[in-house]
Amino acid sequence: QVQLVESGGGLVQAGGSLRLSCAASGRTLITYIMGWFRQAPGKEREFVAARGWSGGSTSYADSVKGRFTIARDNAKNTVYLQMNSLEPEDTAVYYCAASSRATSLREHAPRQDIYNYWGQGTQVTVSS
């Protein structure tokens, strides 16, 4: 069993930055793909970014490319989402997820059904 706990959310002005953290416990995630998703009020949850745990491959939604960076620290079993140039449209609850089933980052990263562990979410609010 894997437990994921997000932190780092908060209120920030447009143009500002935040770094979200996702601490994993219960099992080493060396073979897992880690992802970030978000859900804005009244909208469906959507893919943001993903990274292969043991490699450097990454995948990003078009809406965050060039602004967000997903990184991981294997020693700390932690995944980060660095968010720069934030926009009011980035306001959402951000969720961390882990997948032990994904075999292709490019193909599987955006698929929510591939992820078998989820965190509780952290709120990010960007004011204009």
Foldseek 3Di string as FASTA:
>chain_A
DKAWAKDWADEEAAQAKTKMKIFMDDDQQQQKKKFKWWDDPPGDIWGAKIDGNNDGDMDGDPVQPPFWDWDDDRVRNMIMIIGGRDDQVPWTWMKMFIANQDDDCVPPVGPPVRTDYIYPTDTHGYHD
